[in-house]
N, C-alpha and C. Protein backbone atom coordinates (compact mmCIF):
# COMPACT_ATOMS: atom_id res chain seq x y z
N UNK A 1 152.46 -8.82 -24.44
CA UNK A 1 151.20 -9.09 -24.76
C UNK A 1 150.79 -9.23 -26.20
N UNK A 2 149.95 -10.20 -26.33
CA UNK A 2 149.60 -10.49 -27.96
C UNK A 2 148.94 -9.43 -28.40
N UNK A 3 149.26 -9.15 -29.59
CA UNK A 3 148.54 -8.23 -30.55
C UNK A 3 146.97 -8.67 -30.74
N UNK A 4 146.10 -7.84 -30.71
CA UNK A 4 144.72 -8.19 -30.80
C UNK A 4 144.60 -7.60 -32.17
N UNK A 5 143.39 -8.33 -32.91
CA UNK A 5 142.87 -7.72 -33.86
C UNK A 5 142.17 -6.60 -33.84
N UNK A 6 142.07 -5.80 -34.77
CA UNK A 6 141.24 -4.46 -34.76
C UNK A 6 139.62 -4.72 -34.42
N UNK A 7 139.16 -5.80 -34.76
CA UNK A 7 137.71 -6.09 -34.87
C UNK A 7 137.37 -6.45 -33.32
N UNK A 8 138.41 -7.22 -32.83
CA UNK A 8 138.28 -7.50 -31.31
C UNK A 8 138.36 -6.62 -30.20
N UNK A 9 139.09 -5.50 -30.71
CA UNK A 9 139.24 -4.49 -29.75
C UNK A 9 137.95 -3.48 -29.59
N UNK A 10 137.52 -3.14 -30.89
CA UNK A 10 136.10 -2.30 -30.93
C UNK A 10 134.96 -3.12 -30.67
N UNK A 11 134.80 -3.99 -30.70
CA UNK A 11 133.63 -5.09 -30.55
C UNK A 11 133.15 -4.95 -29.38
N UNK A 12 132.00 -4.67 -29.01
CA UNK A 12 131.38 -4.71 -27.54
C UNK A 12 131.16 -6.17 -27.20
N UNK A 13 131.53 -6.61 -25.81
CA UNK A 13 131.31 -7.85 -25.58
C UNK A 13 129.91 -7.96 -25.02
N UNK A 14 129.37 -9.13 -25.41
CA UNK A 14 128.01 -9.50 -24.94
C UNK A 14 128.00 -10.09 -23.58
N UNK A 15 126.97 -9.62 -23.00
CA UNK A 15 126.76 -10.29 -21.69
C UNK A 15 125.74 -11.05 -21.69
N UNK A 16 125.59 -12.24 -21.28
CA UNK A 16 124.57 -13.21 -21.37
C UNK A 16 124.01 -13.18 -20.16
N UNK A 17 124.68 -13.19 -19.09
CA UNK A 17 123.98 -13.42 -17.91
C UNK A 17 123.13 -12.06 -17.25
N UNK A 18 122.25 -12.23 -16.37
CA UNK A 18 121.37 -11.18 -16.03
C UNK A 18 121.89 -11.05 -14.54
N UNK A 19 121.77 -9.94 -14.23
CA UNK A 19 122.26 -9.67 -12.75
C UNK A 19 121.19 -10.13 -11.77
N UNK A 20 121.89 -11.08 -10.88
CA UNK A 20 120.80 -11.72 -9.93
C UNK A 20 120.92 -10.96 -8.76
N UNK A 21 121.81 -10.13 -8.44
CA UNK A 21 122.08 -9.41 -7.23
C UNK A 21 121.38 -8.08 -7.51
N UNK A 22 120.53 -7.70 -6.57
CA UNK A 22 119.67 -6.39 -6.53
C UNK A 22 120.87 -5.17 -5.93
N UNK A 23 120.87 -3.94 -6.64
CA UNK A 23 121.88 -3.27 -6.12
C UNK A 23 121.47 -2.49 -4.92
N UNK A 24 122.40 -2.21 -3.92
CA UNK A 24 122.29 -1.59 -2.90
C UNK A 24 121.85 -0.31 -2.88
N UNK A 25 120.87 0.08 -2.02
CA UNK A 25 120.48 1.43 -1.90
C UNK A 25 120.91 2.13 -0.74
N UNK A 26 121.48 3.20 -1.21
CA UNK A 26 122.11 4.03 0.02
C UNK A 26 121.14 5.29 0.11
N UNK A 27 120.84 5.39 1.41
CA UNK A 27 119.72 6.49 1.74
C UNK A 27 120.32 7.91 1.63
N UNK A 28 121.69 7.93 2.33
CA UNK A 28 122.40 9.21 2.50
C UNK A 28 122.60 9.78 1.14
N UNK A 29 123.21 8.71 -0.04
CA UNK A 29 123.40 9.15 -1.10
C UNK A 29 122.02 9.61 -1.97
N UNK A 30 120.99 8.92 -1.68
CA UNK A 30 119.54 9.68 -2.35
C UNK A 30 119.38 11.11 -1.75
N UNK A 31 119.50 11.07 -0.42
CA UNK A 31 119.33 12.58 -0.01
C UNK A 31 120.22 13.55 -0.58
N UNK A 32 121.50 13.08 -0.81
CA UNK A 32 122.57 13.98 -1.40
C UNK A 32 122.04 14.44 -2.73
N UNK A 33 121.85 13.49 -3.57
CA UNK A 33 121.50 13.78 -4.91
C UNK A 33 120.21 14.62 -4.84
N UNK A 34 119.13 14.35 -4.06
CA UNK A 34 117.94 15.15 -3.98
C UNK A 34 118.35 16.70 -3.68
N UNK A 35 119.64 16.97 -2.76
CA UNK A 35 119.93 18.02 -2.43
C UNK A 35 120.66 18.81 -3.49
N UNK A 36 121.27 17.93 -4.30
CA UNK A 36 122.16 18.46 -5.57
C UNK A 36 121.07 19.05 -6.64
N UNK A 37 119.94 18.19 -6.75
CA UNK A 37 118.84 18.55 -7.94
C UNK A 37 118.29 19.91 -7.39
N UNK A 38 118.09 19.97 -6.12
CA UNK A 38 117.44 21.25 -5.45
C UNK A 38 118.20 22.32 -5.74
N UNK A 39 119.58 22.11 -5.60
CA UNK A 39 120.43 23.55 -5.80
C UNK A 39 120.56 23.78 -7.09
N UNK A 40 120.81 22.68 -7.91
CA UNK A 40 120.72 23.03 -9.51
C UNK A 40 119.46 23.80 -9.84
N UNK A 41 118.32 23.44 -9.51
CA UNK A 41 116.99 24.23 -9.59
C UNK A 41 117.11 25.49 -9.44
N UNK A 42 117.52 25.76 -8.01
CA UNK A 42 117.66 27.24 -7.44
C UNK A 42 118.91 27.87 -8.21
N UNK A 43 119.96 27.12 -8.74
CA UNK A 43 120.90 27.82 -9.64
C UNK A 43 120.36 28.44 -10.95
N UNK A 44 119.48 27.30 -11.57
CA UNK A 44 118.83 28.01 -12.76
C UNK A 44 117.83 29.22 -12.37
N UNK A 45 117.15 29.13 -11.26
CA UNK A 45 116.15 30.41 -10.95
C UNK A 45 117.07 31.47 -10.72
N UNK A 46 117.91 31.38 -10.10
CA UNK A 46 118.95 32.52 -9.68
C UNK A 46 119.64 33.19 -11.09
N UNK A 47 119.92 32.16 -11.83
CA UNK A 47 120.79 32.81 -13.10
C UNK A 47 119.56 33.50 -13.86
N UNK A 48 118.49 32.89 -13.87
CA UNK A 48 117.36 33.53 -14.46
C UNK A 48 116.96 35.00 -14.11
N UNK A 49 116.96 34.96 -12.88
CA UNK A 49 116.74 36.30 -11.96
C UNK A 49 117.96 37.30 -12.20
N UNK A 50 119.03 36.70 -12.34
CA UNK A 50 120.11 37.66 -12.44
C UNK A 50 120.26 38.08 -14.11
N UNK A 51 119.88 37.44 -14.99
CA UNK A 51 119.65 37.63 -16.16
C UNK A 51 118.73 38.71 -16.65
N UNK A 52 117.50 38.60 -15.82
CA UNK A 52 116.48 39.59 -15.99
C UNK A 52 116.89 40.92 -15.34
N UNK A 53 117.74 40.90 -14.17
CA UNK A 53 118.26 42.10 -13.51
C UNK A 53 119.10 42.81 -14.29
N UNK A 54 120.16 41.97 -15.11
CA UNK A 54 120.87 42.54 -15.97
C UNK A 54 120.33 43.16 -17.22
N UNK A 55 119.33 42.56 -17.77
CA UNK A 55 118.61 43.16 -18.94
C UNK A 55 117.80 44.40 -18.56
N UNK A 56 117.33 44.44 -17.31
CA UNK A 56 116.39 45.59 -16.61
C UNK A 56 117.39 46.81 -16.54
N UNK A 57 118.66 46.27 -15.97
CA UNK A 57 119.48 47.43 -15.75
C UNK A 57 120.01 48.14 -17.11
N UNK A 58 120.34 47.31 -18.03
CA UNK A 58 120.70 47.64 -19.35
C UNK A 58 119.58 48.77 -19.88
N UNK A 59 118.23 48.31 -19.85
CA UNK A 59 117.33 48.97 -20.33
C UNK A 59 117.23 50.42 -19.66
N UNK A 60 117.23 50.13 -18.35
CA UNK A 60 117.41 51.56 -17.76
C UNK A 60 118.60 52.39 -18.01
N UNK A 61 119.51 52.03 -18.27
CA UNK A 61 120.71 52.83 -18.57
C UNK A 61 120.60 53.41 -19.93
N UNK A 62 119.95 52.63 -20.92
CA UNK A 62 119.85 52.95 -22.30
C UNK A 62 118.66 53.95 -22.30
N UNK A 63 117.79 53.88 -21.55
CA UNK A 63 116.52 54.97 -21.35
C UNK A 63 116.95 56.54 -20.84
N UNK A 64 118.00 56.20 -19.73
CA UNK A 64 118.66 57.50 -19.54
C UNK A 64 119.50 58.09 -20.26
N UNK A 65 120.35 57.25 -21.04
CA UNK A 65 121.06 57.83 -21.97
C UNK A 65 120.27 58.58 -23.12
N UNK A 66 119.06 57.82 -23.59
CA UNK A 66 118.34 58.40 -24.66
C UNK A 66 117.68 59.93 -23.77
N UNK A 67 117.15 59.70 -22.75
CA UNK A 67 116.73 61.20 -22.26
C UNK A 67 117.71 62.25 -22.45
N UNK A 68 118.88 61.79 -21.82
CA UNK A 68 119.98 62.66 -21.72
C UNK A 68 120.19 63.15 -23.32
N UNK A 69 120.28 62.14 -24.14
CA UNK A 69 120.55 62.83 -25.64
C UNK A 69 119.38 63.65 -26.21
N UNK A 70 118.07 63.36 -25.76
CA UNK A 70 117.01 64.23 -26.26
C UNK A 70 117.20 65.67 -25.70
N UNK A 71 117.60 65.44 -24.44
CA UNK A 71 117.70 66.78 -23.62
C UNK A 71 118.77 67.98 -24.54
N UNK A 72 119.82 66.91 -24.49
CA UNK A 72 121.04 67.64 -25.32
C UNK A 72 120.54 68.25 -26.59
N UNK A 73 119.79 67.55 -27.34
CA UNK A 73 119.42 68.04 -28.66
C UNK A 73 118.47 68.98 -28.67
N UNK A 74 117.59 69.04 -27.62
CA UNK A 74 116.77 70.44 -27.45
C UNK A 74 117.59 71.56 -27.06
N UNK A 75 118.39 71.36 -26.15
CA UNK A 75 119.29 72.65 -25.79
C UNK A 75 120.09 73.03 -27.00
N UNK A 76 120.58 72.24 -27.79
CA UNK A 76 121.43 72.37 -29.08
C UNK A 76 120.19 72.95 -30.11
N UNK A 77 119.12 72.78 -30.24
CA UNK A 77 118.28 73.38 -31.14
C UNK A 77 117.93 74.73 -30.46
N UNK A 78 117.73 74.99 -28.96
CA UNK A 78 117.45 76.22 -28.76
C UNK A 78 118.38 77.24 -28.97
N UNK A 79 119.97 76.77 -28.95
CA UNK A 79 120.92 77.40 -29.10
C UNK A 79 120.98 77.93 -30.66
N UNK A 80 120.72 77.07 -31.41
CA UNK A 80 120.69 77.23 -32.77
C UNK A 80 119.88 78.33 -33.15
N UNK A 81 118.44 78.16 -32.68
CA UNK A 81 117.70 79.05 -32.98
C UNK A 81 117.98 80.42 -32.27
N UNK A 82 118.45 80.46 -31.20
CA UNK A 82 118.95 82.05 -30.63
C UNK A 82 120.01 82.41 -31.62
N UNK A 83 121.01 81.75 -31.95
CA UNK A 83 122.13 82.21 -32.66
C UNK A 83 121.46 82.77 -34.06
N UNK A 84 120.59 82.09 -34.59
CA UNK A 84 120.02 82.30 -35.85
C UNK A 84 119.36 83.81 -35.77
N UNK A 85 118.47 83.84 -34.96
CA UNK A 85 118.02 85.13 -34.95
C UNK A 85 118.73 86.28 -34.28
N UNK A 86 119.88 86.12 -33.63
CA UNK A 86 120.67 87.15 -33.35
C UNK A 86 121.36 87.41 -34.38
N UNK A 87 121.67 86.49 -35.33
CA UNK A 87 122.70 86.82 -36.65
C UNK A 87 121.45 87.60 -37.41
N UNK A 88 120.25 87.47 -37.54
CA UNK A 88 119.57 88.25 -38.40
C UNK A 88 119.35 89.82 -37.87
N UNK A 89 119.09 89.79 -36.36
CA UNK A 89 119.16 91.15 -35.63
C UNK A 89 120.39 91.94 -36.04
N UNK A 90 121.56 91.51 -35.94
CA UNK A 90 122.90 91.91 -36.06
C UNK A 90 122.94 92.37 -37.49
N UNK A 91 122.52 91.43 -38.64
CA UNK A 91 122.68 91.91 -39.95
C UNK A 91 121.83 93.24 -39.90
N UNK A 92 120.38 93.28 -39.93
CA UNK A 92 119.64 94.37 -39.84
C UNK A 92 120.24 95.60 -39.27
N UNK A 93 120.72 95.48 -38.02
CA UNK A 93 121.50 96.70 -37.49
C UNK A 93 122.45 97.03 -38.27
N UNK A 94 123.30 95.99 -38.74
CA UNK A 94 124.32 96.72 -39.62
C UNK A 94 124.03 97.40 -40.85
N UNK A 95 122.92 96.70 -41.49
CA UNK A 95 122.26 97.45 -42.61
C UNK A 95 121.75 98.74 -42.40
N UNK A 96 121.11 98.99 -41.22
CA UNK A 96 120.74 100.40 -40.76
C UNK A 96 122.15 101.34 -40.42
N UNK A 97 122.85 100.87 -40.05
CA UNK A 97 124.13 101.70 -39.97
C UNK A 97 124.62 102.11 -41.08
N UNK A 98 124.77 101.09 -42.04
CA UNK A 98 125.29 101.35 -43.58
C UNK A 98 124.40 102.38 -44.13
N UNK A 99 123.09 102.06 -44.05
CA UNK A 99 122.08 103.16 -44.65
C UNK A 99 122.50 104.72 -43.98
N UNK A 100 122.46 104.49 -42.66
CA UNK A 100 122.85 105.96 -42.13
C UNK A 100 124.20 106.50 -42.56
N UNK A 101 124.95 105.85 -42.76
CA UNK A 101 126.30 106.41 -43.20
C UNK A 101 126.58 106.48 -44.69
N UNK A 102 125.51 106.23 -45.39
CA UNK A 102 125.75 106.46 -46.84
C UNK A 102 125.55 107.87 -47.28
N UNK A 103 126.07 108.24 -48.44
CA UNK A 103 126.25 109.49 -48.93
C UNK A 103 125.33 110.53 -49.08
N UNK A 104 123.79 109.71 -49.13
CA UNK A 104 122.59 110.43 -49.26
C UNK A 104 122.25 111.05 -48.17
N UNK A 105 122.67 110.55 -46.91
CA UNK A 105 122.32 111.03 -45.50
C UNK A 105 123.27 111.98 -45.22
N UNK A 106 124.49 111.95 -45.70
CA UNK A 106 125.60 112.75 -45.04
C UNK A 106 125.42 114.09 -45.66
N UNK A 107 124.82 114.22 -46.80
CA UNK A 107 124.58 115.41 -47.49
C UNK A 107 124.23 116.65 -46.60
N UNK A 108 124.53 117.70 -46.60
CA UNK A 108 124.05 118.80 -45.93
C UNK A 108 123.05 119.51 -46.79
N UNK A 109 121.76 119.00 -46.68
CA UNK A 109 120.86 119.51 -47.56
C UNK A 109 119.81 120.53 -46.60
N UNK A 110 119.16 121.45 -47.22
CA UNK A 110 118.58 122.34 -46.42
C UNK A 110 117.10 121.74 -46.26
N UNK A 111 116.59 121.99 -45.22
CA UNK A 111 115.12 121.44 -44.65
C UNK A 111 114.21 122.04 -45.52
N UNK A 112 113.13 121.29 -45.83
CA UNK A 112 112.05 121.66 -46.76
C UNK A 112 111.14 122.87 -46.26
N UNK A 113 111.24 123.81 -46.93
CA UNK A 113 110.41 124.95 -46.68
C UNK A 113 108.86 124.95 -47.00
N UNK A 114 108.15 125.16 -45.59
CA UNK A 114 106.68 124.91 -45.77
C UNK A 114 106.06 126.53 -45.64
N UNK A 115 105.16 126.51 -46.85
CA UNK A 115 104.34 127.65 -46.93
C UNK A 115 103.10 127.67 -46.01
N UNK A 116 103.07 128.35 -45.06
CA UNK A 116 101.96 128.31 -43.90
C UNK A 116 100.80 128.97 -44.68
N UNK A 117 100.86 129.78 -45.51
CA UNK A 117 99.80 130.46 -46.19
C UNK A 117 99.07 129.50 -47.07
N UNK A 118 99.77 128.97 -47.96
CA UNK A 118 99.35 127.81 -48.87
C UNK A 118 98.62 126.94 -47.97
N UNK A 119 99.35 126.34 -47.21
CA UNK A 119 98.66 125.25 -46.20
C UNK A 119 97.35 125.54 -45.53
N UNK A 120 97.39 126.76 -45.02
CA UNK A 120 96.06 127.27 -44.32
C UNK A 120 94.94 127.40 -45.33
N UNK A 121 95.39 127.70 -46.68
CA UNK A 121 94.39 127.73 -47.56
C UNK A 121 93.87 126.42 -48.03
N UNK A 122 94.72 125.53 -48.26
CA UNK A 122 94.24 124.07 -48.48
C UNK A 122 93.51 123.37 -47.46
N UNK A 123 93.86 123.69 -46.20
CA UNK A 123 93.21 123.24 -45.05
C UNK A 123 91.69 123.99 -45.12
N UNK A 124 91.51 125.11 -45.37
CA UNK A 124 90.10 125.59 -45.42
C UNK A 124 89.33 125.18 -46.38
N UNK A 125 90.07 124.99 -47.80
CA UNK A 125 89.25 124.44 -48.87
C UNK A 125 88.70 123.08 -48.49
N UNK A 126 89.33 122.32 -47.80
CA UNK A 126 88.88 120.81 -47.39
C UNK A 126 87.97 120.83 -46.48
N UNK A 127 87.81 121.99 -45.42
CA UNK A 127 86.97 121.95 -44.47
C UNK A 127 85.67 122.33 -44.99
N UNK A 128 85.70 123.31 -45.98
CA UNK A 128 84.41 123.57 -46.57
C UNK A 128 83.81 122.63 -47.54
N UNK A 129 84.53 121.82 -48.15
CA UNK A 129 83.94 120.44 -48.87
C UNK A 129 83.47 119.45 -47.74
N UNK A 130 84.13 119.48 -46.90
CA UNK A 130 83.53 118.57 -45.68
C UNK A 130 82.20 119.14 -45.02
N UNK A 131 81.98 120.23 -45.11
CA UNK A 131 80.77 121.04 -44.36
C UNK A 131 79.88 120.88 -45.56
N UNK A 132 80.13 121.06 -46.79
CA UNK A 132 78.91 121.06 -47.65
C UNK A 132 78.63 119.48 -47.85
N UNK A 133 79.45 118.51 -47.77
CA UNK A 133 79.16 117.16 -47.89
C UNK A 133 78.05 116.90 -46.57
N UNK A 134 78.44 117.27 -45.45
CA UNK A 134 77.40 117.11 -44.32
C UNK A 134 76.26 117.70 -44.49
N UNK A 135 76.15 118.60 -45.10
CA UNK A 135 74.79 119.22 -45.43
C UNK A 135 74.05 118.61 -46.48
N UNK A 136 74.55 118.12 -47.45
CA UNK A 136 73.98 117.30 -48.76
C UNK A 136 73.47 115.97 -47.78
N UNK A 137 74.11 115.29 -46.88
CA UNK A 137 73.74 114.16 -46.36
C UNK A 137 72.48 114.53 -45.36
N UNK A 138 72.60 115.50 -44.51
CA UNK A 138 71.31 116.05 -44.02
C UNK A 138 70.07 116.16 -44.89
N UNK A 139 70.21 116.69 -45.97
CA UNK A 139 69.07 116.79 -46.98
C UNK A 139 68.68 115.56 -47.24
N UNK A 140 69.38 114.73 -47.70
CA UNK A 140 69.07 113.36 -48.15
C UNK A 140 68.22 112.51 -46.98
N UNK A 141 68.83 112.80 -45.85
CA UNK A 141 68.28 112.16 -44.72
C UNK A 141 66.80 112.52 -44.55
N UNK A 142 66.53 113.95 -44.55
CA UNK A 142 65.30 114.70 -44.60
C UNK A 142 64.39 114.02 -45.44
N UNK A 143 64.94 114.13 -46.59
CA UNK A 143 64.11 113.39 -47.85
C UNK A 143 63.72 112.02 -47.48
N UNK A 144 64.75 111.15 -47.20
CA UNK A 144 64.15 109.78 -46.78
C UNK A 144 63.19 109.84 -45.66
N UNK A 145 63.40 110.70 -44.55
CA UNK A 145 62.33 110.59 -43.63
C UNK A 145 60.92 111.08 -43.99
N UNK A 146 60.94 111.98 -44.94
CA UNK A 146 59.48 112.24 -45.24
C UNK A 146 58.95 111.20 -46.25
N UNK A 147 59.59 110.53 -46.96
CA UNK A 147 59.21 109.30 -47.77
C UNK A 147 58.65 108.10 -46.92
N UNK A 148 59.46 108.05 -45.67
CA UNK A 148 59.23 106.85 -44.86
C UNK A 148 58.05 107.01 -43.77
N UNK A 149 57.77 108.42 -43.56
CA UNK A 149 57.07 108.88 -42.46
C UNK A 149 57.43 108.94 -41.19
N UNK A 150 58.93 108.83 -40.97
CA UNK A 150 59.33 109.04 -39.67
C UNK A 150 59.77 110.32 -39.41
N UNK A 151 59.43 110.76 -37.96
CA UNK A 151 59.63 112.07 -37.51
C UNK A 151 60.82 112.60 -37.99
N UNK A 152 61.15 113.80 -38.29
CA UNK A 152 62.49 114.29 -38.36
C UNK A 152 63.07 115.37 -37.63
N UNK A 153 64.22 115.36 -37.44
CA UNK A 153 64.68 116.55 -36.46
C UNK A 153 65.96 117.09 -37.46
N UNK A 154 66.37 118.15 -36.70
CA UNK A 154 67.63 118.89 -37.35
C UNK A 154 68.65 118.21 -37.33
N UNK A 155 69.07 117.26 -36.39
CA UNK A 155 70.19 116.26 -36.28
C UNK A 155 70.12 114.86 -37.01
N UNK A 156 71.04 114.51 -37.92
CA UNK A 156 70.76 113.28 -38.39
C UNK A 156 70.79 111.98 -37.37
N UNK A 157 71.40 112.33 -36.39
CA UNK A 157 71.56 111.58 -35.10
C UNK A 157 71.18 112.09 -33.68
N UNK A 158 69.95 112.18 -33.57
CA UNK A 158 69.26 112.92 -32.38
C UNK A 158 69.78 112.26 -31.16
N UNK A 159 70.26 113.16 -30.13
CA UNK A 159 70.57 112.47 -28.89
C UNK A 159 69.64 113.01 -27.80
N UNK A 160 69.07 112.14 -26.92
CA UNK A 160 68.18 112.57 -26.09
C UNK A 160 68.72 113.29 -25.04
N UNK A 161 67.94 114.33 -24.37
CA UNK A 161 68.62 115.15 -23.29
C UNK A 161 68.74 114.12 -22.21
N UNK A 162 69.74 114.60 -21.48
CA UNK A 162 70.13 113.68 -20.30
C UNK A 162 69.24 114.03 -18.97
N UNK A 163 68.64 113.06 -18.48
CA UNK A 163 67.88 113.24 -17.34
C UNK A 163 68.58 112.93 -16.32
N UNK A 164 67.97 113.49 -15.19
CA UNK A 164 68.46 113.05 -13.51
C UNK A 164 67.38 112.69 -12.98
């Protein structure tokens, strides 16, 4: 085989003749090609639906996982709050026990002696002051009623007798 030049190998050949013979049309081949095109369109539609299903399933799984995490966080916060308040209760309880066990409570001190006679005298004095205060209020009410012209009664707040 003779060696060809590089320019001859790569250069396209020019066709100067036109085709005079019309190509033959094979009806079966056309039907087969139409079916292949329809299958390709169906495949694209199926792929689109499959991708939408995959995305929808992924979104559903993420939403479910998010709900689970939210519920878990709520339970965790509940337990943290419960433990916190239980610790506060235990600390106050221990402080109360410590206060009861301190030496000031453990001393054997004598109970306070109450003088009944002195207490009775104090109570009598207080009651006498209250009674004189009530009498002064009655006098002031009577003076006010005479100035305003309203009828007076012996009671500052008269109660009508009950009728049946």
